[in-house]
Amino acid sequence: MNIKAVISRGLKVVLWPIKVLFCLCLIGLLFYAAVQLIDYQKNAYRFASNGVCNDVTAAMRPFASRLPGSFSCLNTTSMDQRASPGQMQNVILFLANEVRPDSANSGHAWVILMKASVTTDGKYIVHEFLSTGFGPATTETKWHPALVGYYDKVRPALPVALEPGITKALQYLYLPLTSSDEGAPRIEGQEVILEEGFIESEAFIKVFGHEPAVVLAAVVSDQDYENAKKIAPEYANGDYSLMLRDCTTFVYRVASAAHLYTPPRVFAMFPSQSVGAISRMNRK
């Protein structure tokens, strides 16, 4: 028997499933790209900062002026004029810290949902206030502590160009195994809060104590507001998993519920980048 023929036949048998798998992956990638392109064409760059955004921007000015990043507002409703006194506004704030994130400190993103109105003398009153986000309950992993400690010692010696990628790969591998005693969103001020002084309220100041770098305020319809409120309970069960089920995917789910365009995560990996991308790519 010809040995070359046997080897050739064996290689064909081995390579055939690999070729099929490659073709399937390529088809899946092309399909995903087509879906994303259609989504982009239909839903990106639709909203302006007019109307009720002027009320929100005025109320937020004391905080916005201190942000190291950016503050922006999008009006997704049909209210193209400033709100009349007593008219209820549904506002979703998307917040993220770390204006210059890296693999060592990626930052965090969270959401505030609130109902507010303007008085006859121009004062902004909050009627409902819900601050919520999603994150790991602890940083302990199911990897053996000696293995984690060994990498901490080796990490400084890694080439500068390679270290971030290696660290991110390892984080991706072990953070989904993060032990979680709670498994629930980090929620602060979940109860309804009635405040006469929106900007001066302790609950609001406490949330901004997280030192956000980027803030997007979206004024939404009643239905979109209620849809966004339903996202937190969906995250009440289940573990944290970096890139798959983390603080940014939580923010993306809330944004999608409010009919905001969410660009592919691959183009905005870190929380502050994602909030910034949602802001830029929804603005006319």
Protein backbone atom coordinates (compact mmCIF):
# COMPACT_ATOMS: atom_id res chain seq x y z
CA MET A 1 0.00 0.00 0.00
CA ASN A 2 1.25 3.45 -0.89
CA ILE A 3 2.15 5.20 2.39
CA LYS A 4 1.70 8.65 0.86
CA ALA A 5 -1.81 7.75 -0.26
CA VAL A 6 -2.67 6.52 3.22
CA ILE A 7 -1.33 9.69 4.82
CA SER A 8 -3.15 11.83 2.27
CA ARG A 9 -6.40 9.97 2.91
CA GLY A 10 -5.92 10.30 6.66
CA LEU A 11 -5.31 14.02 6.42
CA LYS A 12 -8.49 14.46 4.41
CA VAL A 13 -10.46 12.60 7.08
CA VAL A 14 -8.94 14.76 9.83
CA LEU A 15 -9.19 18.08 8.00
CA TRP A 16 -12.72 17.61 6.70
CA PRO A 17 -14.52 18.40 10.01
CA ILE A 18 -12.11 21.29 10.60
CA LYS A 19 -13.02 22.77 7.21
CA VAL A 20 -16.72 22.32 7.92
CA LEU A 21 -16.34 23.98 11.32
CA PHE A 22 -14.39 26.86 9.76
CA CYS A 23 -17.09 27.38 7.10
CA LEU A 24 -19.84 27.33 9.74
CA CYS A 25 -17.94 29.87 11.85
CA LEU A 26 -17.43 32.08 8.80
CA ILE A 27 -21.13 31.89 7.89
CA GLY A 28 -22.04 32.71 11.51
CA LEU A 29 -19.65 35.67 11.53
CA LEU A 30 -21.05 37.03 8.26
CA PHE A 31 -24.61 36.61 9.54
CA TYR A 32 -23.73 38.44 12.77
CA ALA A 33 -22.08 41.25 10.79
CA ALA A 34 -25.17 41.57 8.57
CA VAL A 35 -27.49 41.73 11.59
CA GLN A 36 -25.31 44.38 13.23
CA LEU A 37 -25.18 46.43 10.01
CA ILE A 38 -28.97 46.37 9.64
CA ASP A 39 -29.36 47.32 13.31
CA TYR A 40 -26.91 50.20 12.83
CA GLN A 41 -28.68 51.47 9.70
CA LYS A 42 -32.11 51.36 11.35
CA ASN A 43 -31.42 52.49 14.90
CA ALA A 44 -28.24 54.59 15.17
CA TYR A 45 -28.14 58.41 15.28
CA ARG A 46 -31.89 58.96 15.85
CA PHE A 47 -32.17 61.27 18.85
CA ALA A 48 -31.47 64.91 19.63
CA SER A 49 -30.77 66.83 22.84
CA ASN A 50 -33.73 69.18 22.55
CA GLY A 51 -36.91 69.74 24.55
CA VAL A 52 -36.97 68.14 27.98
CA CYS A 53 -33.21 67.53 27.80
CA ASN A 54 -32.82 71.21 28.59
CA ASP A 55 -34.51 70.65 31.97
CA VAL A 56 -32.35 67.63 32.77
CA THR A 57 -29.14 69.36 31.70
CA ALA A 58 -29.93 72.41 33.84
CA ALA A 59 -30.66 70.23 36.88
CA MET A 60 -27.49 68.18 36.39
CA ARG A 61 -25.16 71.12 35.74
CA PRO A 62 -23.62 71.16 39.27
CA PHE A 63 -22.50 67.54 38.82
CA ALA A 64 -21.78 67.62 35.09
CA SER A 65 -19.28 70.43 35.55
CA ARG A 66 -17.18 68.20 37.83
CA LEU A 67 -17.09 65.13 35.60
CA PRO A 68 -13.62 64.20 34.26
CA GLY A 69 -15.35 62.74 31.20
CA SER A 70 -18.57 63.85 29.58
CA PHE A 71 -22.25 64.48 30.29
CA SER A 72 -24.85 64.26 27.54
CA CYS A 73 -28.61 64.01 27.20
CA LEU A 74 -30.81 62.31 24.60
CA ASN A 75 -34.50 62.99 24.15
CA THR A 76 -36.10 59.78 22.86
CA THR A 77 -39.66 61.09 23.29
CA SER A 78 -41.86 63.26 21.09
CA MET A 79 -41.63 66.14 23.62
CA ASP A 80 -39.66 68.66 21.60
CA GLN A 81 -40.39 71.52 24.01
CA ARG A 82 -39.35 72.02 27.62
CA ALA A 83 -41.68 70.33 30.09
CA SER A 84 -44.54 72.33 31.54
CA PRO A 85 -44.74 72.64 35.37
CA GLY A 86 -45.86 69.38 36.96
CA GLN A 87 -45.36 67.34 33.77
CA MET A 88 -43.71 64.04 34.64
CA GLN A 89 -40.40 63.12 33.00
CA ASN A 90 -38.93 59.62 32.84
CA VAL A 91 -35.14 59.80 32.96
CA ILE A 92 -32.60 56.99 32.79
CA LEU A 93 -29.04 57.90 33.72
CA PHE A 94 -26.27 55.62 32.44
CA LEU A 95 -23.09 56.15 34.46
CA ALA A 96 -19.56 54.74 34.35
CA ASN A 97 -16.30 55.55 36.11
CA GLU A 98 -12.65 55.32 35.08
CA VAL A 99 -12.25 57.70 32.16
CA ARG A 100 -8.95 55.94 31.29
CA PRO A 101 -9.67 52.27 32.01
CA ASP A 102 -7.10 49.51 31.62
CA SER A 103 -6.80 45.80 32.39
CA ALA A 104 -5.88 46.53 36.01
CA ASN A 105 -8.88 48.82 36.63
CA SER A 106 -11.64 48.44 34.08
CA GLY A 107 -14.14 50.58 35.99
CA HIS A 108 -17.83 50.04 36.67
CA ALA A 109 -21.11 51.02 35.04
CA TRP A 110 -24.51 51.43 36.65
CA VAL A 111 -27.95 52.93 36.06
CA ILE A 112 -30.31 55.38 37.77
CA LEU A 113 -34.00 55.36 36.89
CA MET A 114 -36.03 58.31 38.09
CA LYS A 115 -39.27 60.17 37.59
CA ALA A 116 -39.05 63.92 37.98
CA SER A 117 -40.91 67.13 37.25
CA VAL A 118 -40.30 70.86 37.21
CA THR A 119 -42.14 73.28 39.51
CA THR A 120 -43.50 76.66 38.49
CA ASP A 121 -40.38 78.33 39.89
CA GLY A 122 -38.10 76.02 37.90
CA LYS A 123 -37.13 73.65 40.70
CA TYR A 124 -36.47 70.03 39.72
CA ILE A 125 -38.27 67.51 41.95
CA VAL A 126 -37.61 63.77 41.96
CA HIS A 127 -40.62 61.52 42.57
CA GLU A 128 -39.04 58.10 42.09
CA PHE A 129 -35.40 57.14 42.39
CA LEU A 130 -33.85 53.73 41.70
CA SER A 131 -30.11 53.19 41.53
CA THR A 132 -29.09 49.76 40.34
CA GLY A 133 -26.20 47.90 38.76
CA PHE A 134 -24.66 44.47 38.49
CA GLY A 135 -21.32 43.21 39.70
CA PRO A 136 -19.52 40.32 41.40
CA ALA A 137 -20.25 39.79 45.07
CA THR A 138 -16.58 39.14 45.79
CA THR A 139 -13.24 39.08 43.99
CA GLU A 140 -12.31 35.64 45.33
CA THR A 141 -12.03 32.98 42.65
CA LYS A 142 -12.32 29.23 42.59
CA TRP A 143 -8.74 29.00 41.38
CA HIS A 144 -6.25 27.91 44.03
CA PRO A 145 -4.91 31.01 45.84
CA ALA A 146 -1.32 29.87 45.18
CA LEU A 147 -1.93 29.97 41.42
CA VAL A 148 -3.43 33.48 41.54
CA GLY A 149 -0.59 34.63 43.80
CA TYR A 150 2.01 33.16 41.41
CA TYR A 151 0.61 35.15 38.48
CA ASP A 152 0.66 38.33 40.56
CA LYS A 153 4.39 37.77 41.03
CA VAL A 154 5.06 36.90 37.37
CA ARG A 155 2.93 39.70 35.92
CA PRO A 156 5.48 42.56 36.42
CA ALA A 157 8.08 40.56 34.45
CA LEU A 158 5.88 40.07 31.39
CA PRO A 159 6.60 42.12 28.24
CA VAL A 160 4.69 45.40 28.31
CA ALA A 161 3.09 44.70 24.93
CA LEU A 162 1.83 41.25 25.98
CA GLU A 163 0.83 41.73 29.62
CA PRO A 164 -2.60 43.38 29.07
CA GLY A 165 -3.72 40.65 26.67
CA ILE A 166 -2.50 37.82 28.91
CA THR A 167 -4.13 39.38 31.97
CA LYS A 168 -7.43 39.88 30.14
CA ALA A 169 -7.38 36.27 28.92
CA LEU A 170 -6.81 34.98 32.44
CA GLN A 171 -9.50 37.28 33.83
CA TYR A 172 -11.88 35.93 31.22
CA LEU A 173 -11.05 32.40 32.32
CA TYR A 174 -11.33 32.78 36.06
CA LEU A 175 -13.75 35.65 36.68
CA PRO A 176 -16.74 33.63 35.40
CA LEU A 177 -15.89 31.29 38.29
CA THR A 178 -16.12 34.10 40.81
CA SER A 179 -17.75 32.82 43.98
CA SER A 180 -21.03 34.61 44.51
CA ASP A 181 -22.88 34.44 47.81
CA GLU A 182 -25.47 36.99 46.70
CA GLY A 183 -25.75 36.59 42.94
CA ALA A 184 -27.89 39.71 42.83
CA PRO A 185 -27.47 43.21 41.42
CA ARG A 186 -25.84 45.80 43.62
CA ILE A 187 -28.82 47.92 44.51
CA GLU A 188 -28.79 51.17 46.47
CA GLY A 189 -31.81 53.27 47.33
CA GLN A 190 -34.20 50.79 45.76
CA GLU A 191 -37.20 52.19 47.60
CA VAL A 192 -39.18 55.12 46.21
CA ILE A 193 -37.75 58.37 47.52
CA LEU A 194 -39.72 61.61 47.62
CA GLU A 195 -37.40 64.59 47.68
CA GLU A 196 -37.98 68.31 47.51
CA GLY A 197 -34.36 68.97 46.62
CA PHE A 198 -33.32 66.63 43.82
CA ILE A 199 -29.73 67.80 43.55
CA GLU A 200 -29.34 68.07 47.33
CA SER A 201 -30.88 64.66 48.10
CA GLU A 202 -28.57 62.34 50.04
CA ALA A 203 -29.54 59.38 47.85
CA PHE A 204 -28.53 61.16 44.66
CA ILE A 205 -25.27 62.47 46.11
CA LYS A 206 -24.47 58.97 47.41
CA VAL A 207 -24.73 57.51 43.92
CA PHE A 208 -22.50 60.21 42.50
CA GLY A 209 -20.06 59.38 45.26
CA HIS A 210 -19.02 56.50 42.96
CA GLU A 211 -17.22 59.25 41.01
CA PRO A 212 -18.67 58.66 37.54
CA ALA A 213 -16.57 59.85 34.64
CA VAL A 214 -19.17 59.51 31.88
CA VAL A 215 -22.90 60.14 32.25
CA LEU A 216 -25.66 59.79 29.66
CA ALA A 217 -29.17 60.96 30.53
CA ALA A 218 -31.95 59.55 28.35
CA VAL A 219 -35.48 60.95 28.59
CA VAL A 220 -37.80 58.09 27.66
CA SER A 221 -41.48 57.25 27.32
CA ASP A 222 -43.59 55.71 30.10
CA GLN A 223 -43.47 52.30 28.43
CA ASP A 224 -39.71 52.34 27.87
CA TYR A 225 -39.19 53.41 31.48
CA GLU A 226 -41.26 50.50 32.79
CA ASN A 227 -39.46 48.09 30.45
CA ALA A 228 -36.09 49.30 31.75
CA LYS A 229 -37.20 48.75 35.36
CA LYS A 230 -37.82 45.06 34.60
CA ILE A 231 -34.16 44.38 33.76
CA ALA A 232 -32.83 44.42 37.35
CA PRO A 233 -34.99 41.47 38.51
CA GLU A 234 -33.73 39.47 35.53
CA TYR A 235 -30.20 39.80 36.93
CA ALA A 236 -31.23 38.90 40.48
CA ASN A 237 -30.26 35.27 39.90
CA GLY A 238 -27.09 34.01 38.26
CA ASP A 239 -23.37 34.56 38.53
CA TYR A 240 -21.22 37.38 37.26
CA SER A 241 -19.26 36.56 34.12
CA LEU A 242 -16.86 39.04 32.52
CA MET A 243 -17.97 40.09 29.01
CA LEU A 244 -20.92 37.68 29.13
CA ARG A 245 -22.91 38.84 32.17
CA ASP A 246 -21.25 41.83 33.78
CA CYS A 247 -22.02 45.47 34.62
CA THR A 248 -21.76 46.56 30.98
CA THR A 249 -24.09 43.87 29.66
CA PHE A 250 -26.55 45.01 32.34
CA VAL A 251 -26.29 48.59 31.07
CA TYR A 252 -26.70 47.37 27.48
CA ARG A 253 -29.87 45.47 28.42
CA VAL A 254 -31.36 48.57 30.05
CA ALA A 255 -30.41 50.70 27.02
CA SER A 256 -31.99 48.19 24.64
CA ALA A 257 -35.17 48.13 26.72
CA ALA A 258 -35.31 51.91 26.29
CA HIS A 259 -34.90 51.51 22.49
CA LEU A 260 -31.41 52.99 22.42
CA TYR A 261 -28.94 51.66 19.87
CA THR A 262 -26.18 49.59 21.49
CA PRO A 263 -23.03 49.18 19.36
CA PRO A 264 -21.18 45.84 19.38
CA ARG A 265 -19.32 45.40 22.64
CA VAL A 266 -16.10 44.57 20.81
CA PHE A 267 -15.76 48.24 19.81
CA ALA A 268 -16.19 49.49 23.40
CA MET A 269 -14.78 46.95 25.82
CA PHE A 270 -14.70 48.95 29.06
CA PRO A 271 -17.72 50.41 30.92
CA SER A 272 -16.94 54.10 30.35
CA GLN A 273 -16.22 53.40 26.67
CA SER A 274 -19.54 51.58 26.31
CA VAL A 275 -21.59 54.38 27.89
CA GLY A 276 -19.73 56.91 25.74
CA ALA A 277 -20.39 54.85 22.60
CA ILE A 278 -24.12 54.57 23.38
CA SER A 279 -24.23 58.34 23.79
CA ARG A 280 -22.37 59.16 20.57
CA MET A 281 -24.07 56.60 18.34
CA ASN A 282 -27.61 57.56 19.32
CA ARG A 283 -27.17 61.29 18.78
CA LYS A 284 -28.28 62.88 15.49
